[in-house]
Amino acid sequence: MLRSHKIALQPNNKQSTYFAKACGVARFAFNWGLADMNTTSRIKQNGRIEQLSIQDICDLK
């Protein structure tokens, strides 16, 4: 049997800001990884290494 406890958070302003930043970093990392996977997939589908533009490289950072 699984049991769990639900705890409500009541963060102060400093903690709320930290949580928002942490969520933003996680979303950024996910989007960066997704873009990298899409680029790799596109290269593999073409069967050749394609030149990435400066804009593509900057978008991955």
Protein backbone atom coordinates (compact mmCIF):
# COMPACT_ATOMS: atom_id res chain seq x y z
CA MET A 1 0.00 0.00 0.00
CA LEU A 2 1.31 3.44 -0.93
CA ARG A 3 0.84 6.33 1.44
CA SER A 4 1.63 9.95 0.90
CA HIS A 5 1.41 13.25 2.67
CA LYS A 6 0.43 16.46 0.98
CA ILE A 7 2.09 19.55 2.40
CA ALA A 8 1.12 23.05 1.31
CA LEU A 9 3.99 25.47 0.83
CA GLN A 10 3.71 29.03 2.03
CA PRO A 11 6.93 30.59 0.75
CA ASN A 12 8.02 34.11 1.56
CA ASN A 13 9.08 36.54 -1.21
CA LYS A 14 12.69 35.35 -1.30
CA GLN A 15 11.64 31.69 -1.54
CA SER A 16 9.01 32.44 -4.22
CA THR A 17 11.66 34.17 -6.31
CA TYR A 18 13.99 31.18 -5.92
CA PHE A 19 11.24 28.73 -6.97
CA ALA A 20 10.45 30.82 -10.06
CA LYS A 21 14.13 30.93 -11.05
CA ALA A 22 14.50 27.18 -10.53
CA CYS A 23 11.50 26.49 -12.77
CA GLY A 24 12.90 28.83 -15.41
CA VAL A 25 16.26 27.04 -15.38
CA ALA A 26 14.56 23.64 -15.71
CA ARG A 27 12.49 24.86 -18.66
CA PHE A 28 15.58 26.36 -20.30
CA ALA A 29 17.53 23.09 -19.88
CA PHE A 30 14.66 21.04 -21.32
CA ASN A 31 14.26 23.34 -24.32
CA TRP A 32 18.02 23.34 -24.94
CA GLY A 33 18.12 19.54 -24.87
CA LEU A 34 15.10 19.30 -27.16
CA ALA A 35 16.68 21.68 -29.67
CA ASP A 36 19.91 19.67 -29.57
CA MET A 37 18.01 16.43 -30.20
CA ASN A 38 16.11 18.00 -33.09
CA THR A 39 19.33 19.27 -34.65
CA THR A 40 20.96 15.86 -34.30
CA SER A 41 17.91 14.17 -35.78
CA ARG A 42 17.88 16.59 -38.71
CA ILE A 43 21.56 15.88 -39.40
CA LYS A 44 21.01 12.10 -39.27
CA GLN A 45 17.97 12.28 -41.58
CA ASN A 46 19.96 14.16 -44.21
CA GLY A 47 22.73 11.59 -44.02
CA ARG A 48 25.35 14.30 -43.99
CA ILE A 49 26.76 16.91 -41.69
CA GLU A 50 25.20 20.24 -42.45
CA GLN A 51 26.62 23.61 -41.66
CA LEU A 52 24.92 25.16 -38.65
CA SER A 53 24.42 28.87 -38.82
CA ILE A 54 25.65 31.20 -36.10
CA GLN A 55 22.01 31.76 -35.12
CA ASP A 56 21.47 27.99 -34.61
CA ILE A 57 24.51 27.80 -32.36
CA CYS A 58 23.45 30.85 -30.35
CA ASP A 59 19.93 29.43 -29.92
CA LEU A 60 21.37 26.26 -28.39
CA LYS A 61 23.19 28.15 -25.65
